[in-house]
Amino acid sequence: MKKKKKGFRLKNLILILFVFWLCKSLISQRIVMGEAKKIKLEREAEVSQLEREIEELNKEIEEKDSLEFVEKIAREELKMVRPREIMYIDKNKEKKNFKFGGE
């Protein structure tokens, strides 16, 4: 009779170990899936941001020959002003913030 009890115990031990391994595998899979979803959401946010930037750049390309665009670049990039226009510089703000007056 002792052989039957030992065999029964060995089967239970093997079954318990198998269930433990299965649970561990499922938990680790859920962790990996959660991390993958998080990375996917981050990448999707990056893609949508890049798509917005591309749209803005395409608009700038379309407007590059317009007088408004040329004036904007002349004012912002080259710091040019119109004739008889006075440029005020606020030293407390960043260097790019200019106020134009005299129009």
C-alpha atoms as a PDB file:
ATOM      1  CA  MET A   1       0.000   0.000   0.000  1.00  0.00           C
ATOM      2  CA  LYS A   2       2.878   2.395   0.558  1.00  0.00           C
ATOM      3  CA  LYS A   3       3.708   2.339  -3.151  1.00  0.00           C
ATOM      4  CA  LYS A   4       0.239   3.594  -4.053  1.00  0.00           C
ATOM      5  CA  LYS A   5       0.496   6.529  -1.638  1.00  0.00           C
ATOM      6  CA  LYS A   6       3.946   7.534  -2.897  1.00  0.00           C
ATOM      7  CA  GLY A   7       2.792   7.345  -6.522  1.00  0.00           C
ATOM      8  CA  PHE A   8      -0.253   9.393  -5.665  1.00  0.00           C
ATOM      9  CA  ARG A   9       1.895  11.998  -3.953  1.00  0.00           C
ATOM     10  CA  LEU A  10       4.319  12.155  -6.888  1.00  0.00           C
ATOM     11  CA  LYS A  11       1.432  12.723  -9.308  1.00  0.00           C
ATOM     12  CA  ASN A  12       0.080  15.522  -7.082  1.00  0.00           C
ATOM     13  CA  LEU A  13       3.525  17.095  -6.838  1.00  0.00           C
ATOM     14  CA  ILE A  14       3.962  16.997 -10.612  1.00  0.00           C
ATOM     15  CA  LEU A  15       0.483  18.461 -11.110  1.00  0.00           C
ATOM     16  CA  ILE A  16       1.133  21.242  -8.606  1.00  0.00           C
ATOM     17  CA  LEU A  17       4.462  22.074 -10.240  1.00  0.00           C
ATOM     18  CA  PHE A  18       2.811  22.145 -13.669  1.00  0.00           C
ATOM     19  CA  VAL A  19       0.035  24.465 -12.425  1.00  0.00           C
ATOM     20  CA  PHE A  20       2.639  26.720 -10.764  1.00  0.00           C
ATOM     21  CA  TRP A  21       4.683  26.881 -13.987  1.00  0.00           C
ATOM     22  CA  LEU A  22       1.541  27.626 -16.009  1.00  0.00           C
ATOM     23  CA  CYS A  23       0.501  30.463 -13.682  1.00  0.00           C
ATOM     24  CA  LYS A  24       4.000  31.910 -13.716  1.00  0.00           C
ATOM     25  CA  SER A  25       4.044  31.821 -17.515  1.00  0.00           C
ATOM     26  CA  LEU A  26       0.643  33.514 -17.783  1.00  0.00           C
ATOM     27  CA  ILE A  27       1.614  36.253 -15.332  1.00  0.00           C
ATOM     28  CA  SER A  28       4.886  36.973 -17.134  1.00  0.00           C
ATOM     29  CA  GLN A  29       2.996  37.056 -20.447  1.00  0.00           C
ATOM     30  CA  ARG A  30       0.548  39.631 -19.055  1.00  0.00           C
ATOM     31  CA  ILE A  31       3.439  41.784 -17.849  1.00  0.00           C
ATOM     32  CA  VAL A  32       5.104  41.649 -21.268  1.00  0.00           C
ATOM     33  CA  MET A  33       1.781  42.424 -23.004  1.00  0.00           C
ATOM     34  CA  GLY A  34       1.216  45.428 -20.714  1.00  0.00           C
ATOM     35  CA  GLU A  35       4.669  46.798 -21.482  1.00  0.00           C
ATOM     36  CA  ALA A  36       4.117  46.229 -25.208  1.00  0.00           C
ATOM     37  CA  LYS A  37       0.791  48.109 -25.087  1.00  0.00           C
ATOM     38  CA  LYS A  38       2.449  50.999 -23.270  1.00  0.00           C
ATOM     39  CA  ILE A  39       5.214  51.192 -25.876  1.00  0.00           C
ATOM     40  CA  LYS A  40       2.615  50.983 -28.657  1.00  0.00           C
ATOM     41  CA  LEU A  41       0.660  53.923 -27.200  1.00  0.00           C
ATOM     42  CA  GLU A  42       3.852  55.971 -26.882  1.00  0.00           C
ATOM     43  CA  ARG A  43       4.777  55.245 -30.500  1.00  0.00           C
ATOM     44  CA  GLU A  44       1.269  56.139 -31.689  1.00  0.00           C
ATOM     45  CA  ALA A  45       1.516  59.466 -29.856  1.00  0.00           C
ATOM     46  CA  GLU A  46       4.887  60.119 -31.490  1.00  0.00           C
ATOM     47  CA  VAL A  47       3.464  59.265 -34.915  1.00  0.00           C
ATOM     48  CA  SER A  48       0.515  61.619 -34.489  1.00  0.00           C
ATOM     49  CA  GLN A  49       2.870  64.408 -33.342  1.00  0.00           C
ATOM     50  CA  LEU A  50       5.097  63.844 -36.357  1.00  0.00           C
ATOM     51  CA  GLU A  51       2.056  63.842 -38.661  1.00  0.00           C
ATOM     52  CA  ARG A  52       1.011  67.250 -37.254  1.00  0.00           C
ATOM     53  CA  GLU A  53       4.522  68.577 -37.812  1.00  0.00           C
ATOM     54  CA  ILE A  54       4.487  67.256 -41.381  1.00  0.00           C
ATOM     55  CA  GLU A  55       1.162  69.004 -42.027  1.00  0.00           C
ATOM     56  CA  GLU A  56       2.556  72.281 -40.687  1.00  0.00           C
ATOM     57  CA  LEU A  57       5.673  71.942 -42.845  1.00  0.00           C
ATOM     58  CA  ASN A  58       3.553  71.163 -45.911  1.00  0.00           C
ATOM     59  CA  LYS A  59       1.514  74.312 -45.255  1.00  0.00           C
ATOM     60  CA  GLU A  60       4.726  76.324 -44.985  1.00  0.00           C
ATOM     61  CA  ILE A  61       5.935  74.829 -48.264  1.00  0.00           C
ATOM     62  CA  GLU A  62       2.670  75.796 -49.966  1.00  0.00           C
ATOM     63  CA  GLU A  63       2.887  79.345 -48.557  1.00  0.00           C
ATOM     64  CA  LYS A  64       6.599  79.866 -49.194  1.00  0.00           C
ATOM     65  CA  ASP A  65       6.041  82.116 -52.200  1.00  0.00           C
ATOM     66  CA  SER A  66       3.413  84.318 -50.562  1.00  0.00           C
ATOM     67  CA  LEU A  67       4.314  87.840 -49.423  1.00  0.00           C
ATOM     68  CA  GLU A  68       3.046  87.108 -45.900  1.00  0.00           C
ATOM     69  CA  PHE A  69       5.470  84.208 -45.550  1.00  0.00           C
ATOM     70  CA  VAL A  70       8.390  86.220 -46.883  1.00  0.00           C
ATOM     71  CA  GLU A  71       7.550  89.067 -44.486  1.00  0.00           C
ATOM     72  CA  LYS A  72       7.221  86.628 -41.575  1.00  0.00           C
ATOM     73  CA  ILE A  73      10.654  85.158 -42.289  1.00  0.00           C
ATOM     74  CA  ALA A  74      12.174  88.620 -42.743  1.00  0.00           C
ATOM     75  CA  ARG A  75      10.768  89.787 -39.409  1.00  0.00           C
ATOM     76  CA  GLU A  76      11.391  86.647 -37.315  1.00  0.00           C
ATOM     77  CA  GLU A  77      14.574  85.208 -38.775  1.00  0.00           C
ATOM     78  CA  LEU A  78      16.331  88.283 -40.157  1.00  0.00           C
ATOM     79  CA  LYS A  79      14.910  90.798 -37.644  1.00  0.00           C
ATOM     80  CA  MET A  80      13.965  93.231 -40.391  1.00  0.00           C
ATOM     81  CA  VAL A  81      11.430  96.050 -39.997  1.00  0.00           C
ATOM     82  CA  ARG A  82       9.333  98.142 -42.362  1.00  0.00           C
ATOM     83  CA  PRO A  83      10.330 101.727 -43.139  1.00  0.00           C
ATOM     84  CA  ARG A  84       9.456 104.168 -40.292  1.00  0.00           C
ATOM     85  CA  GLU A  85       8.656 101.220 -38.026  1.00  0.00           C
ATOM     86  CA  ILE A  86      10.094 101.081 -34.530  1.00  0.00           C
ATOM     87  CA  MET A  87      11.121  97.787 -32.972  1.00  0.00           C
ATOM     88  CA  TYR A  88      10.779  97.423 -29.198  1.00  0.00           C
ATOM     89  CA  ILE A  89      12.816  94.747 -27.470  1.00  0.00           C
ATOM     90  CA  ASP A  90      11.737  93.541 -24.041  1.00  0.00           C
ATOM     91  CA  LYS A  91      14.958  92.551 -22.287  1.00  0.00           C
ATOM     92  CA  ASN A  92      13.031  90.579 -19.650  1.00  0.00           C
ATOM     93  CA  LYS A  93      11.774  88.103 -22.240  1.00  0.00           C
ATOM     94  CA  GLU A  94      13.537  85.811 -24.663  1.00  0.00           C
ATOM     95  CA  LYS A  95      15.469  87.392 -27.521  1.00  0.00           C
ATOM     96  CA  LYS A  96      12.958  86.201 -30.136  1.00  0.00           C
ATOM     97  CA  ASN A  97      10.059  88.246 -28.711  1.00  0.00           C
ATOM     98  CA  PHE A  98       9.918  91.530 -30.604  1.00  0.00           C
ATOM     99  CA  LYS A  99       7.185  94.123 -30.588  1.00  0.00           C
ATOM    100  CA  PHE A 100       6.703  96.198 -33.698  1.00  0.00           C
ATOM    101  CA  GLY A 101       5.140  99.641 -33.575  1.00  0.00           C
ATOM    102  CA  GLY A 102       4.714 102.677 -35.760  1.00  0.00           C
ATOM    103  CA  GLU A 103       2.488 101.059 -38.381  1.00  0.00           C
END
